[in-house]
Amino acid sequence: MSCIIFASNFNHNHSSMSRIILIVLMTLLSKELIAQNHSYTFQGHLDAEKQNIIQNELLKLNIEKITFHYKAEISAGQLIFSVGNPNTSGENTPNWSPVDVKNILITHGLEPGEFNALKE
């Protein structure tokens, strides 16, 4: 009978440990995904005024560290950005989606290309 009790305690401790490990891994991975850099390629005409407007719209989505790489001679470029960390003060922060970024590019006359999550 003591063997059965030991086995049931082992299973209980084992499942608790698995849950703790899973929670720790999920926390670490979610922080990594949030802080990850992303890029979107695009085609079309981009001037300084349009660039500032797009940047302001992206900032509203909690997107930061925004960089444009643009080649006027081929009317194509790449938008590189990272997503800010969620607000820890309990305030709601806007959620972002690659679709939101795509729609902002389209709204300003740019043709979105490929979206990528970049390794740092």
PDB file of N, CA and C in Angstrom:
ATOM      1  N   MET A   1       0.802  -1.179   0.000  1.00  0.00           N
ATOM      2  CA  MET A   1       0.000   0.000   0.000  1.00  0.00           C
ATOM      3  C   MET A   1       0.860   1.263   0.000  1.00  0.00           C
ATOM      4  N   SER A   2       1.994   1.219   0.665  1.00  0.00           N
ATOM      5  CA  SER A   2       2.877   2.381   0.671  1.00  0.00           C
ATOM      6  C   SER A   2       3.442   2.656  -0.714  1.00  0.00           C
ATOM      7  N   CYS A   3       3.586   1.624  -1.514  1.00  0.00           N
ATOM      8  CA  CYS A   3       4.062   1.820  -2.884  1.00  0.00           C
ATOM      9  C   CYS A   3       3.054   2.607  -3.697  1.00  0.00           C
ATOM     10  N   ILE A   4       1.791   2.355  -3.511  1.00  0.00           N
ATOM     11  CA  ILE A   4       0.749   3.054  -4.254  1.00  0.00           C
ATOM     12  C   ILE A   4       0.717   4.519  -3.848  1.00  0.00           C
ATOM     13  N   ILE A   5       0.826   4.802  -2.556  1.00  0.00           N
ATOM     14  CA  ILE A   5       0.826   6.188  -2.078  1.00  0.00           C
ATOM     15  C   ILE A   5       2.048   6.918  -2.632  1.00  0.00           C
ATOM     16  N   PHE A   6       3.213   6.262  -2.609  1.00  0.00           N
ATOM     17  CA  PHE A   6       4.415   6.883  -3.132  1.00  0.00           C
ATOM     18  C   PHE A   6       4.261   7.194  -4.618  1.00  0.00           C
ATOM     19  N   ALA A   7       3.704   6.262  -5.365  1.00  0.00           N
ATOM     20  CA  ALA A   7       3.530   6.458  -6.801  1.00  0.00           C
ATOM     21  C   ALA A   7       2.578   7.624  -7.067  1.00  0.00           C
ATOM     22  N   SER A   8       1.505   7.717  -6.288  1.00  0.00           N
ATOM     23  CA  SER A   8       0.578   8.822  -6.528  1.00  0.00           C
ATOM     24  C   SER A   8       1.222  10.151  -6.143  1.00  0.00           C
ATOM     25  N   ASN A   9       2.034  10.200  -5.102  1.00  0.00           N
ATOM     26  CA  ASN A   9       2.747  11.423  -4.742  1.00  0.00           C
ATOM     27  C   ASN A   9       3.769  11.779  -5.813  1.00  0.00           C
ATOM     28  N   PHE A  10       4.417  10.780  -6.375  1.00  0.00           N
ATOM     29  CA  PHE A  10       5.390  11.045  -7.431  1.00  0.00           C
ATOM     30  C   PHE A  10       4.711  11.683  -8.636  1.00  0.00           C
ATOM     31  N   ASN A  11       3.571  11.139  -9.028  1.00  0.00           N
ATOM     32  CA  ASN A  11       2.843  11.697 -10.163  1.00  0.00           C
ATOM     33  C   ASN A  11       2.389  13.116  -9.875  1.00  0.00           C
ATOM     34  N   HIS A  12       1.942  13.381  -8.669  1.00  0.00           N
ATOM     35  CA  HIS A  12       1.493  14.730  -8.307  1.00  0.00           C
ATOM     36  C   HIS A  12       2.678  15.708  -8.353  1.00  0.00           C
ATOM     37  N   ASN A  13       3.805  15.327  -7.755  1.00  0.00           N
ATOM     38  CA  ASN A  13       4.980  16.196  -7.769  1.00  0.00           C
ATOM     39  C   ASN A  13       5.520  16.379  -9.181  1.00  0.00           C
ATOM     40  N   HIS A  14       5.475  15.316  -9.961  1.00  0.00           N
ATOM     41  CA  HIS A  14       5.974  15.377 -11.332  1.00  0.00           C
ATOM     42  C   HIS A  14       5.117  16.330 -12.173  1.00  0.00           C
ATOM     43  N   SER A  15       3.789  16.260 -12.024  1.00  0.00           N
ATOM     44  CA  SER A  15       2.929  17.140 -12.818  1.00  0.00           C
ATOM     45  C   SER A  15       3.065  18.593 -12.352  1.00  0.00           C
ATOM     46  N   SER A  16       3.278  18.828 -11.062  1.00  0.00           N
ATOM     47  CA  SER A  16       3.494  20.190 -10.572  1.00  0.00           C
ATOM     48  C   SER A  16       4.788  20.763 -11.137  1.00  0.00           C
ATOM     49  N   MET A  17       5.820  19.963 -11.156  1.00  0.00           N
ATOM     50  CA  MET A  17       7.105  20.400 -11.688  1.00  0.00           C
ATOM     51  C   MET A  17       6.984  20.680 -13.183  1.00  0.00           C
ATOM     52  N   SER A  18       6.248  19.848 -13.902  1.00  0.00           N
ATOM     53  CA  SER A  18       6.046  20.069 -15.337  1.00  0.00           C
ATOM     54  C   SER A  18       5.318  21.382 -15.578  1.00  0.00           C
ATOM     55  N   ARG A  19       4.330  21.668 -14.758  1.00  0.00           N
ATOM     56  CA  ARG A  19       3.586  22.927 -14.896  1.00  0.00           C
ATOM     57  C   ARG A  19       4.491  24.130 -14.649  1.00  0.00           C
ATOM     58  N   ILE A  20       5.326  24.042 -13.633  1.00  0.00           N
ATOM     59  CA  ILE A  20       6.232  25.152 -13.318  1.00  0.00           C
ATOM     60  C   ILE A  20       7.206  25.380 -14.473  1.00  0.00           C
ATOM     61  N   ILE A  21       7.769  24.312 -14.990  1.00  0.00           N
ATOM     62  CA  ILE A  21       8.700  24.430 -16.116  1.00  0.00           C
ATOM     63  C   ILE A  21       7.990  25.014 -17.333  1.00  0.00           C
ATOM     64  N   LEU A  22       6.778  24.564 -17.592  1.00  0.00           N
ATOM     65  CA  LEU A  22       6.010  25.075 -18.722  1.00  0.00           C
ATOM     66  C   LEU A  22       5.722  26.568 -18.563  1.00  0.00           C
ATOM     67  N   ILE A  23       5.351  27.002 -17.378  1.00  0.00           N
ATOM     68  CA  ILE A  23       5.071  28.422 -17.127  1.00  0.00           C
ATOM     69  C   ILE A  23       6.327  29.264 -17.325  1.00  0.00           C
ATOM     70  N   VAL A  24       7.456  28.789 -16.812  1.00  0.00           N
ATOM     71  CA  VAL A  24       8.714  29.523 -16.974  1.00  0.00           C
ATOM     72  C   VAL A  24       9.084  29.633 -18.444  1.00  0.00           C
ATOM     73  N   LEU A  25       8.979  28.545 -19.190  1.00  0.00           N
ATOM     74  CA  LEU A  25       9.305  28.572 -20.621  1.00  0.00           C
ATOM     75  C   LEU A  25       8.375  29.501 -21.390  1.00  0.00           C
ATOM     76  N   MET A  26       7.089  29.475 -21.079  1.00  0.00           N
ATOM     77  CA  MET A  26       6.138  30.343 -21.773  1.00  0.00           C
ATOM     78  C   MET A  26       6.445  31.810 -21.492  1.00  0.00           C
ATOM     79  N   THR A  27       6.802  32.121 -20.269  1.00  0.00           N
ATOM     80  CA  THR A  27       7.142  33.497 -19.916  1.00  0.00           C
ATOM     81  C   THR A  27       8.372  33.966 -20.673  1.00  0.00           C
ATOM     82  N   LEU A  28       9.399  33.134 -20.706  1.00  0.00           N
ATOM     83  CA  LEU A  28      10.616  33.504 -21.423  1.00  0.00           C
ATOM     84  C   LEU A  28      10.362  33.657 -22.914  1.00  0.00           C
ATOM     85  N   LEU A  29       9.614  32.747 -23.497  1.00  0.00           N
ATOM     86  CA  LEU A  29       9.330  32.818 -24.929  1.00  0.00           C
ATOM     87  C   LEU A  29       8.459  34.010 -25.279  1.00  0.00           C
ATOM     88  N   SER A  30       7.480  34.332 -24.439  1.00  0.00           N
ATOM     89  CA  SER A  30       6.609  35.466 -24.755  1.00  0.00           C
ATOM     90  C   SER A  30       7.395  36.768 -24.713  1.00  0.00           C
ATOM     91  N   LYS A  31       8.317  36.916 -23.787  1.00  0.00           N
ATOM     92  CA  LYS A  31       9.147  38.120 -23.750  1.00  0.00           C
ATOM     93  C   LYS A  31      10.011  38.208 -24.993  1.00  0.00           C
ATOM     94  N   GLU A  32      10.515  37.077 -25.448  1.00  0.00           N
ATOM     95  CA  GLU A  32      11.352  37.055 -26.652  1.00  0.00           C
ATOM     96  C   GLU A  32      10.544  37.457 -27.874  1.00  0.00           C
ATOM     97  N   LEU A  33       9.324  36.951 -27.994  1.00  0.00           N
ATOM     98  CA  LEU A  33       8.491  37.283 -29.141  1.00  0.00           C
ATOM     99  C   LEU A  33       8.080  38.749 -29.129  1.00  0.00           C
ATOM    100  N   ILE A  34       7.806  39.284 -27.961  1.00  0.00           N
ATOM    101  CA  ILE A  34       7.386  40.677 -27.858  1.00  0.00           C
ATOM    102  C   ILE A  34       8.513  41.605 -28.268  1.00  0.00           C
ATOM    103  N   ALA A  35       9.739  41.302 -27.862  1.00  0.00           N
ATOM    104  CA  ALA A  35      10.857  42.196 -28.114  1.00  0.00           C
ATOM    105  C   ALA A  35      11.509  41.951 -29.470  1.00  0.00           C
ATOM    106  N   GLN A  36      10.966  41.050 -30.226  1.00  0.00           N
ATOM    107  CA  GLN A  36      11.583  40.669 -31.490  1.00  0.00           C
ATOM    108  C   GLN A  36      11.440  41.760 -32.548  1.00  0.00           C
ATOM    109  N   ASN A  37      12.424  41.842 -33.424  1.00  0.00           N
ATOM    110  CA  ASN A  37      12.372  42.773 -34.548  1.00  0.00           C
ATOM    111  C   ASN A  37      11.633  42.138 -35.710  1.00  0.00           C
ATOM    112  N   HIS A  38      10.977  42.985 -36.482  1.00  0.00           N
ATOM    113  CA  HIS A  38      10.207  42.535 -37.640  1.00  0.00           C
ATOM    114  C   HIS A  38      10.546  43.407 -38.830  1.00  0.00           C
ATOM    115  N   SER A  39      10.238  42.908 -40.026  1.00  0.00           N
ATOM    116  CA  SER A  39      10.426  43.726 -41.221  1.00  0.00           C
ATOM    117  C   SER A  39       9.280  43.488 -42.191  1.00  0.00           C
ATOM    118  N   TYR A  40       9.030  44.507 -42.988  1.00  0.00           N
ATOM    119  CA  TYR A  40       8.039  44.432 -44.057  1.00  0.00           C
ATOM    120  C   TYR A  40       8.667  45.082 -45.282  1.00  0.00           C
ATOM    121  N   THR A  41       8.733  44.362 -46.378  1.00  0.00           N
ATOM    122  CA  THR A  41       9.206  44.976 -47.616  1.00  0.00           C
ATOM    123  C   THR A  41       8.029  45.669 -48.283  1.00  0.00           C
ATOM    124  N   PHE A  42       8.324  46.651 -49.119  1.00  0.00           N
ATOM    125  CA  PHE A  42       7.257  47.367 -49.809  1.00  0.00           C
ATOM    126  C   PHE A  42       7.783  47.953 -51.106  1.00  0.00           C
ATOM    127  N   GLN A  43       6.850  48.294 -51.982  1.00  0.00           N
ATOM    128  CA  GLN A  43       7.167  48.988 -53.227  1.00  0.00           C
ATOM    129  C   GLN A  43       6.277  50.215 -53.319  1.00  0.00           C
ATOM    130  N   GLY A  44       6.778  51.247 -53.987  1.00  0.00           N
ATOM    131  CA  GLY A  44       6.021  52.471 -54.166  1.00  0.00           C
ATOM    132  C   GLY A  44       6.855  53.677 -53.766  1.00  0.00           C
ATOM    133  N   HIS A  45       6.295  54.847 -54.008  1.00  0.00           N
ATOM    134  CA  HIS A  45       6.998  56.098 -53.718  1.00  0.00           C
ATOM    135  C   HIS A  45       6.898  56.440 -52.223  1.00  0.00           C
ATOM    136  N   LEU A  46       8.029  56.697 -51.600  1.00  0.00           N
ATOM    137  CA  LEU A  46       8.080  57.070 -50.180  1.00  0.00           C
ATOM    138  C   LEU A  46       8.901  58.344 -50.047  1.00  0.00           C
ATOM    139  N   ASP A  47       8.253  59.429 -49.613  1.00  0.00           N
ATOM    140  CA  ASP A  47       8.983  60.662 -49.342  1.00  0.00           C
ATOM    141  C   ASP A  47       9.022  60.885 -47.834  1.00  0.00           C
ATOM    142  N   ALA A  48       9.700  61.923 -47.397  1.00  0.00           N
ATOM    143  CA  ALA A  48       9.887  62.183 -45.968  1.00  0.00           C
ATOM    144  C   ALA A  48       8.557  62.431 -45.258  1.00  0.00           C
ATOM    145  N   GLU A  49       7.651  63.140 -45.907  1.00  0.00           N
ATOM    146  CA  GLU A  49       6.357  63.430 -45.277  1.00  0.00           C
ATOM    147  C   GLU A  49       5.559  62.146 -45.056  1.00  0.00           C
ATOM    148  N   LYS A  50       5.500  61.294 -46.078  1.00  0.00           N
ATOM    149  CA  LYS A  50       4.773  60.025 -45.958  1.00  0.00           C
ATOM    150  C   LYS A  50       5.430  59.130 -44.904  1.00  0.00           C
ATOM    151  N   GLN A  51       6.746  59.156 -44.858  1.00  0.00           N
ATOM    152  CA  GLN A  51       7.482  58.367 -43.871  1.00  0.00           C
ATOM    153  C   GLN A  51       7.108  58.793 -42.454  1.00  0.00           C
ATOM    154  N   ASN A  52       7.036  60.101 -42.197  1.00  0.00           N
ATOM    155  CA  ASN A  52       6.666  60.610 -40.867  1.00  0.00           C
ATOM    156  C   ASN A  52       5.244  60.230 -40.499  1.00  0.00           C
ATOM    157  N   ILE A  53       4.331  60.300 -41.453  1.00  0.00           N
ATOM    158  CA  ILE A  53       2.933  59.936 -41.187  1.00  0.00           C
ATOM    159  C   ILE A  53       2.832  58.457 -40.831  1.00  0.00           C
ATOM    160  N   ILE A  54       3.485  57.617 -41.602  1.00  0.00           N
ATOM    161  CA  ILE A  54       3.473  56.171 -41.331  1.00  0.00           C
ATOM    162  C   ILE A  54       4.077  55.885 -39.962  1.00  0.00           C
ATOM    163  N   GLN A  55       5.183  56.530 -39.666  1.00  0.00           N
ATOM    164  CA  GLN A  55       5.846  56.318 -38.376  1.00  0.00           C
ATOM    165  C   GLN A  55       4.915  56.693 -37.223  1.00  0.00           C
ATOM    166  N   ASN A  56       4.211  57.816 -37.327  1.00  0.00           N
ATOM    167  CA  ASN A  56       3.289  58.230 -36.269  1.00  0.00           C
ATOM    168  C   ASN A  56       2.152  57.230 -36.080  1.00  0.00           C
ATOM    169  N   GLU A  57       1.656  56.668 -37.170  1.00  0.00           N
ATOM    170  CA  GLU A  57       0.595  55.673 -37.075  1.00  0.00           C
ATOM    171  C   GLU A  57       1.096  54.379 -36.435  1.00  0.00           C
ATOM    172  N   LEU A  58       2.321  53.990 -36.742  1.00  0.00           N
ATOM    173  CA  LEU A  58       2.902  52.785 -36.145  1.00  0.00           C
ATOM    174  C   LEU A  58       3.141  52.968 -34.653  1.00  0.00           C
ATOM    175  N   LEU A  59       3.549  54.161 -34.254  1.00  0.00           N
ATOM    176  CA  LEU A  59       3.785  54.425 -32.831  1.00  0.00           C
ATOM    177  C   LEU A  59       2.512  54.241 -32.015  1.00  0.00           C
ATOM    178  N   LYS A  60       1.365  54.511 -32.595  1.00  0.00           N
ATOM    179  CA  LYS A  60       0.082  54.338 -31.905  1.00  0.00           C
ATOM    180  C   LYS A  60      -0.215  52.869 -31.611  1.00  0.00           C
ATOM    181  N   LEU A  61       0.438  51.973 -32.335  1.00  0.00           N
ATOM    182  CA  LEU A  61       0.247  50.531 -32.149  1.00  0.00           C
ATOM    183  C   LEU A  61       1.285  49.926 -31.209  1.00  0.00           C
ATOM    184  N   ASN A  62       2.034  50.769 -30.505  1.00  0.00           N
ATOM    185  CA  ASN A  62       3.097  50.315 -29.606  1.00  0.00           C
ATOM    186  C   ASN A  62       4.271  49.716 -30.384  1.00  0.00           C
ATOM    187  N   ILE A  63       4.408  50.143 -31.641  1.00  0.00           N
ATOM    188  CA  ILE A  63       5.542  49.737 -32.462  1.00  0.00           C
ATOM    189  C   ILE A  63       6.603  50.822 -32.340  1.00  0.00           C
ATOM    190  N   GLU A  64       7.835  50.404 -32.122  1.00  0.00           N
ATOM    191  CA  GLU A  64       8.903  51.373 -31.904  1.00  0.00           C
ATOM    192  C   GLU A  64      10.154  50.977 -32.672  1.00  0.00           C
ATOM    193  N   LYS A  65      11.185  51.765 -32.510  1.00  0.00           N
ATOM    194  CA  LYS A  65      12.456  51.554 -33.217  1.00  0.00           C
ATOM    195  C   LYS A  65      12.197  51.339 -34.708  1.00  0.00           C
ATOM    196  N   ILE A  66      11.531  52.298 -35.296  1.00  0.00           N
ATOM    197  CA  ILE A  66      11.102  52.208 -36.686  1.00  0.00           C
ATOM    198  C   ILE A  66      12.194  52.747 -37.599  1.00  0.00           C
ATOM    199  N   THR A  67      12.586  51.946 -38.570  1.00  0.00           N
ATOM    200  CA  THR A  67      13.614  52.343 -39.526  1.00  0.00           C
ATOM    201  C   THR A  67      13.130  52.022 -40.933  1.00  0.00           C
ATOM    202  N   PHE A  68      13.285  52.981 -41.824  1.00  0.00           N
ATOM    203  CA  PHE A  68      12.981  52.767 -43.230  1.00  0.00           C
ATOM    204  C   PHE A  68      14.286  52.671 -44.008  1.00  0.00           C
ATOM    205  N   HIS A  69      14.395  51.662 -44.848  1.00  0.00           N
ATOM    206  CA  HIS A  69      15.487  51.556 -45.816  1.00  0.00           C
ATOM    207  C   HIS A  69      14.805  51.647 -47.174  1.00  0.00           C
ATOM    208  N   TYR A  70      15.075  52.735 -47.898  1.00  0.00           N
ATOM    209  CA  TYR A  70      14.354  52.986 -49.143  1.00  0.00           C
ATOM    210  C   TYR A  70      15.315  53.329 -50.270  1.00  0.00           C
ATOM    211  N   LYS A  71      15.088  52.729 -51.426  1.00  0.00           N
ATOM    212  CA  LYS A  71      15.895  53.027 -52.626  1.00  0.00           C
ATOM    213  C   LYS A  71      14.975  53.673 -53.650  1.00  0.00           C
ATOM    214  N   ALA A  72      15.143  54.977 -53.812  1.00  0.00           N
ATOM    215  CA  ALA A  72      14.278  55.747 -54.716  1.00  0.00           C
ATOM    216  C   ALA A  72      14.404  55.291 -56.159  1.00  0.00           C
ATOM    217  N   GLU A  73      15.609  54.875 -56.560  1.00  0.00           N
ATOM    218  CA  GLU A  73      15.812  54.491 -57.958  1.00  0.00           C
ATOM    219  C   GLU A  73      15.010  53.256 -58.370  1.00  0.00           C
ATOM    220  N   ILE A  74      14.635  52.430 -57.413  1.00  0.00           N
ATOM    221  CA  ILE A  74      13.812  51.257 -57.737  1.00  0.00           C
ATOM    222  C   ILE A  74      12.444  51.328 -57.056  1.00  0.00           C
ATOM    223  N   SER A  75      12.167  52.430 -56.363  1.00  0.00           N
ATOM    224  CA  SER A  75      10.898  52.635 -55.648  1.00  0.00           C
ATOM    225  C   SER A  75      10.521  51.430 -54.793  1.00  0.00           C
ATOM    226  N   ALA A  76      11.457  50.992 -53.990  1.00  0.00           N
ATOM    227  CA  ALA A  76      11.228  49.844 -53.109  1.00  0.00           C
ATOM    228  C   ALA A  76      12.016  50.039 -51.826  1.00  0.00           C
ATOM    229  N   GLY A  77      11.533  49.398 -50.771  1.00  0.00           N
ATOM    230  CA  GLY A  77      12.241  49.524 -49.507  1.00  0.00           C
ATOM    231  C   GLY A  77      11.828  48.475 -48.509  1.00  0.00           C
ATOM    232  N   GLN A  78      12.300  48.698 -47.290  1.00  0.00           N
ATOM    233  CA  GLN A  78      12.027  47.784 -46.196  1.00  0.00           C
ATOM    234  C   GLN A  78      11.777  48.608 -44.938  1.00  0.00           C
ATOM    235  N   LEU A  79      10.750  48.230 -44.220  1.00  0.00           N
ATOM    236  CA  LEU A  79      10.423  48.829 -42.930  1.00  0.00           C
ATOM    237  C   LEU A  79      10.876  47.851 -41.859  1.00  0.00           C
ATOM    238  N   ILE A  80      11.727  48.296 -40.948  1.00  0.00           N
ATOM    239  CA  ILE A  80      12.197  47.446 -39.852  1.00  0.00           C
ATOM    240  C   ILE A  80      11.716  48.078 -38.551  1.00  0.00           C
ATOM    241  N   PHE A  81      11.171  47.245 -37.660  1.00  0.00           N
ATOM    242  CA  PHE A  81      10.615  47.783 -36.411  1.00  0.00           C
ATOM    243  C   PHE A  81      10.610  46.717 -35.327  1.00  0.00           C
ATOM    244  N   SER A  82      10.420  47.166 -34.106  1.00  0.00           N
ATOM    245  CA  SER A  82      10.220  46.238 -32.998  1.00  0.00           C
ATOM    246  C   SER A  82       8.963  46.650 -32.266  1.00  0.00           C
ATOM    247  N   VAL A  83       8.414  45.711 -31.548  1.00  0.00           N
ATOM    248  CA  VAL A  83       7.189  45.951 -30.804  1.00  0.00           C
ATOM    249  C   VAL A  83       7.569  46.225 -29.363  1.00  0.00           C
ATOM    250  N   GLY A  84       7.024  47.297 -28.806  1.00  0.00           N
ATOM    251  CA  GLY A  84       7.327  47.665 -27.429  1.00  0.00           C
ATOM    252  C   GLY A  84       6.803  46.646 -26.441  1.00  0.00           C
ATOM    253  N   ASN A  85       7.392  46.635 -25.259  1.00  0.00           N
ATOM    254  CA  ASN A  85       6.936  45.743 -24.200  1.00  0.00           C
ATOM    255  C   ASN A  85       5.582  46.197 -23.685  1.00  0.00           C
ATOM    256  N   PRO A  86       4.746  45.253 -23.276  1.00  0.00           N
ATOM    257  CA  PRO A  86       3.449  45.633 -22.754  1.00  0.00           C
ATOM    258  C   PRO A  86       3.599  46.528 -21.530  1.00  0.00           C
ATOM    259  N   ASN A  87       2.654  47.377 -21.331  1.00  0.00           N
ATOM    260  CA  ASN A  87       2.658  48.304 -20.203  1.00  0.00           C
ATOM    261  C   ASN A  87       2.414  47.523 -18.921  1.00  0.00           C
ATOM    262  N   THR A  88       3.318  47.615 -17.983  1.00  0.00           N
ATOM    263  CA  THR A  88       3.189  46.857 -16.745  1.00  0.00           C
ATOM    264  C   THR A  88       2.398  47.618 -15.687  1.00  0.00           C
ATOM    265  N   SER A  89       1.955  48.833 -15.967  1.00  0.00           N
ATOM    266  CA  SER A  89       1.219  49.611 -14.967  1.00  0.00           C
ATOM    267  C   SER A  89      -0.260  49.273 -14.955  1.00  0.00           C
ATOM    268  N   GLY A  90      -0.676  48.298 -15.751  1.00  0.00           N
ATOM    269  CA  GLY A  90      -2.069  47.904 -15.757  1.00  0.00           C
ATOM    270  C   GLY A  90      -2.891  48.616 -16.827  1.00  0.00           C
ATOM    271  N   GLU A  91      -2.323  49.604 -17.485  1.00  0.00           N
ATOM    272  CA  GLU A  91      -3.054  50.291 -18.543  1.00  0.00           C
ATOM    273  C   GLU A  91      -3.102  49.402 -19.772  1.00  0.00           C
ATOM    274  N   ASN A  92      -4.154  49.562 -20.542  1.00  0.00           N
ATOM    275  CA  ASN A  92      -4.267  48.804 -21.785  1.00  0.00           C
ATOM    276  C   ASN A  92      -3.318  49.381 -22.821  1.00  0.00           C
ATOM    277  N   THR A  93      -2.580  48.516 -23.470  1.00  0.00           N
ATOM    278  CA  THR A  93      -1.727  48.955 -24.563  1.00  0.00           C
ATOM    279  C   THR A  93      -2.305  48.391 -25.847  1.00  0.00           C
ATOM    280  N   PRO A  94      -2.173  49.107 -26.928  1.00  0.00           N
ATOM    281  CA  PRO A  94      -2.740  48.621 -28.182  1.00  0.00           C
ATOM    282  C   PRO A  94      -2.075  47.325 -28.623  1.00  0.00           C
ATOM    283  N   ASN A  95      -2.878  46.422 -29.132  1.00  0.00           N
ATOM    284  CA  ASN A  95      -2.329  45.212 -29.735  1.00  0.00           C
ATOM    285  C   ASN A  95      -1.944  45.538 -31.160  1.00  0.00           C
ATOM    286  N   TRP A  96      -0.984  44.850 -31.671  1.00  0.00           N
ATOM    287  CA  TRP A  96      -0.570  45.066 -33.042  1.00  0.00           C
ATOM    288  C   TRP A  96      -0.645  43.737 -33.766  1.00  0.00           C
ATOM    289  N   SER A  97      -0.694  43.836 -35.047  1.00  0.00           N
ATOM    290  CA  SER A  97      -0.727  42.670 -35.900  1.00  0.00           C
ATOM    291  C   SER A  97       0.010  43.026 -37.192  1.00  0.00           C
ATOM    292  N   PRO A  98       0.649  42.048 -37.826  1.00  0.00           N
ATOM    293  CA  PRO A  98       1.258  42.333 -39.127  1.00  0.00           C
ATOM    294  C   PRO A  98       0.231  42.882 -40.126  1.00  0.00           C
ATOM    295  N   VAL A  99      -1.021  42.494 -39.966  1.00  0.00           N
ATOM    296  CA  VAL A  99      -2.075  42.994 -40.848  1.00  0.00           C
ATOM    297  C   VAL A  99      -2.265  44.499 -40.651  1.00  0.00           C
ATOM    298  N   ASP A 100      -2.150  44.966 -39.403  1.00  0.00           N
ATOM    299  CA  ASP A 100      -2.252  46.409 -39.139  1.00  0.00           C
ATOM    300  C   ASP A 100      -1.154  47.172 -39.874  1.00  0.00           C
ATOM    301  N   VAL A 101       0.056  46.658 -39.813  1.00  0.00           N
ATOM    302  CA  VAL A 101       1.188  47.305 -40.490  1.00  0.00           C
ATOM    303  C   VAL A 101       0.950  47.290 -41.991  1.00  0.00           C
ATOM    304  N   LYS A 102       0.501  46.161 -42.510  1.00  0.00           N
ATOM    305  CA  LYS A 102       0.209  46.040 -43.939  1.00  0.00           C
ATOM    306  C   LYS A 102      -0.840  47.074 -44.357  1.00  0.00           C
ATOM    307  N   ASN A 103      -1.900  47.203 -43.576  1.00  0.00           N
ATOM    308  CA  ASN A 103      -2.965  48.156 -43.905  1.00  0.00           C
ATOM    309  C   ASN A 103      -2.473  49.599 -43.884  1.00  0.00           C
ATOM    310  N   ILE A 104      -1.584  49.927 -42.964  1.00  0.00           N
ATOM    311  CA  ILE A 104      -1.018  51.277 -42.916  1.00  0.00           C
ATOM    312  C   ILE A 104      -0.208  51.538 -44.188  1.00  0.00           C
ATOM    313  N   LEU A 105       0.579  50.567 -44.606  1.00  0.00           N
ATOM    314  CA  LEU A 105       1.365  50.732 -45.844  1.00  0.00           C
ATOM    315  C   LEU A 105       0.433  50.925 -47.041  1.00  0.00           C
ATOM    316  N   ILE A 106      -0.601  50.119 -47.130  1.00  0.00           N
ATOM    317  CA  ILE A 106      -1.556  50.215 -48.245  1.00  0.00           C
ATOM    318  C   ILE A 106      -2.257  51.569 -48.239  1.00  0.00           C
ATOM    319  N   THR A 107      -2.688  52.013 -47.054  1.00  0.00           N
ATOM    320  CA  THR A 107      -3.383  53.291 -46.929  1.00  0.00           C
ATOM    321  C   THR A 107      -2.554  54.440 -47.495  1.00  0.00           C
ATOM    322  N   HIS A 108      -1.247  54.334 -47.413  1.00  0.00           N
ATOM    323  CA  HIS A 108      -0.362  55.409 -47.863  1.00  0.00           C
ATOM    324  C   HIS A 108       0.261  55.129 -49.232  1.00  0.00           C
ATOM    325  N   GLY A 109      -0.409  54.283 -50.001  1.00  0.00           N
ATOM    326  CA  GLY A 109      -0.025  54.086 -51.390  1.00  0.00           C
ATOM    327  C   GLY A 109       1.168  53.186 -51.619  1.00  0.00           C
ATOM    328  N   LEU A 110       1.535  52.406 -50.617  1.00  0.00           N
ATOM    329  CA  LEU A 110       2.656  51.477 -50.779  1.00  0.00           C
ATOM    330  C   LEU A 110       2.111  50.063 -50.946  1.00  0.00           C
ATOM    331  N   GLU A 111       2.828  49.265 -51.696  1.00  0.00           N
ATOM    332  CA  GLU A 111       2.430  47.878 -51.911  1.00  0.00           C
ATOM    333  C   GLU A 111       3.274  46.974 -51.016  1.00  0.00           C
ATOM    334  N   PRO A 112       2.660  46.415 -49.955  1.00  0.00           N
ATOM    335  CA  PRO A 112       3.423  45.563 -49.035  1.00  0.00           C
ATOM    336  C   PRO A 112       3.903  44.294 -49.723  1.00  0.00           C
ATOM    337  N   GLY A 113       5.057  43.853 -49.292  1.00  0.00           N
ATOM    338  CA  GLY A 113       5.626  42.619 -49.809  1.00  0.00           C
ATOM    339  C   GLY A 113       5.649  41.560 -48.730  1.00  0.00           C
ATOM    340  N   GLU A 114       6.841  41.179 -48.354  1.00  0.00           N
ATOM    341  CA  GLU A 114       7.036  40.078 -47.421  1.00  0.00           C
ATOM    342  C   GLU A 114       7.203  40.579 -45.985  1.00  0.00           C
ATOM    343  N   PHE A 115       6.521  39.898 -45.053  1.00  0.00           N
ATOM    344  CA  PHE A 115       6.670  40.185 -43.622  1.00  0.00           C
ATOM    345  C   PHE A 115       7.589  39.127 -43.031  1.00  0.00           C
ATOM    346  N   ASN A 116       8.549  39.545 -42.188  1.00  0.00           N
ATOM    347  CA  ASN A 116       9.488  38.605 -41.557  1.00  0.00           C
ATOM    348  C   ASN A 116       9.716  38.960 -40.100  1.00  0.00           C
ATOM    349  N   ALA A 117       9.875  37.939 -39.275  1.00  0.00           N
ATOM    350  CA  ALA A 117      10.378  38.112 -37.918  1.00  0.00           C
ATOM    351  C   ALA A 117      11.884  37.936 -38.009  1.00  0.00           C
ATOM    352  N   LEU A 118      12.614  38.952 -37.571  1.00  0.00           N
ATOM    353  CA  LEU A 118      14.072  38.945 -37.696  1.00  0.00           C
ATOM    354  C   LEU A 118      14.739  38.409 -36.450  1.00  0.00           C
ATOM    355  N   LYS A 119      15.825  37.706 -36.627  1.00  0.00           N
ATOM    356  CA  LYS A 119      16.630  37.259 -35.489  1.00  0.00           C
ATOM    357  C   LYS A 119      17.582  38.374 -35.135  1.00  0.00           C
ATOM    358  N   GLU A 120      17.773  38.544 -33.838  1.00  0.00           N
ATOM    359  CA  GLU A 120      18.641  39.643 -33.404  1.00  0.00           C
ATOM    360  C   GLU A 120      20.079  39.254 -33.430  1.00  0.00           C
TER     361      GLU A 120
END
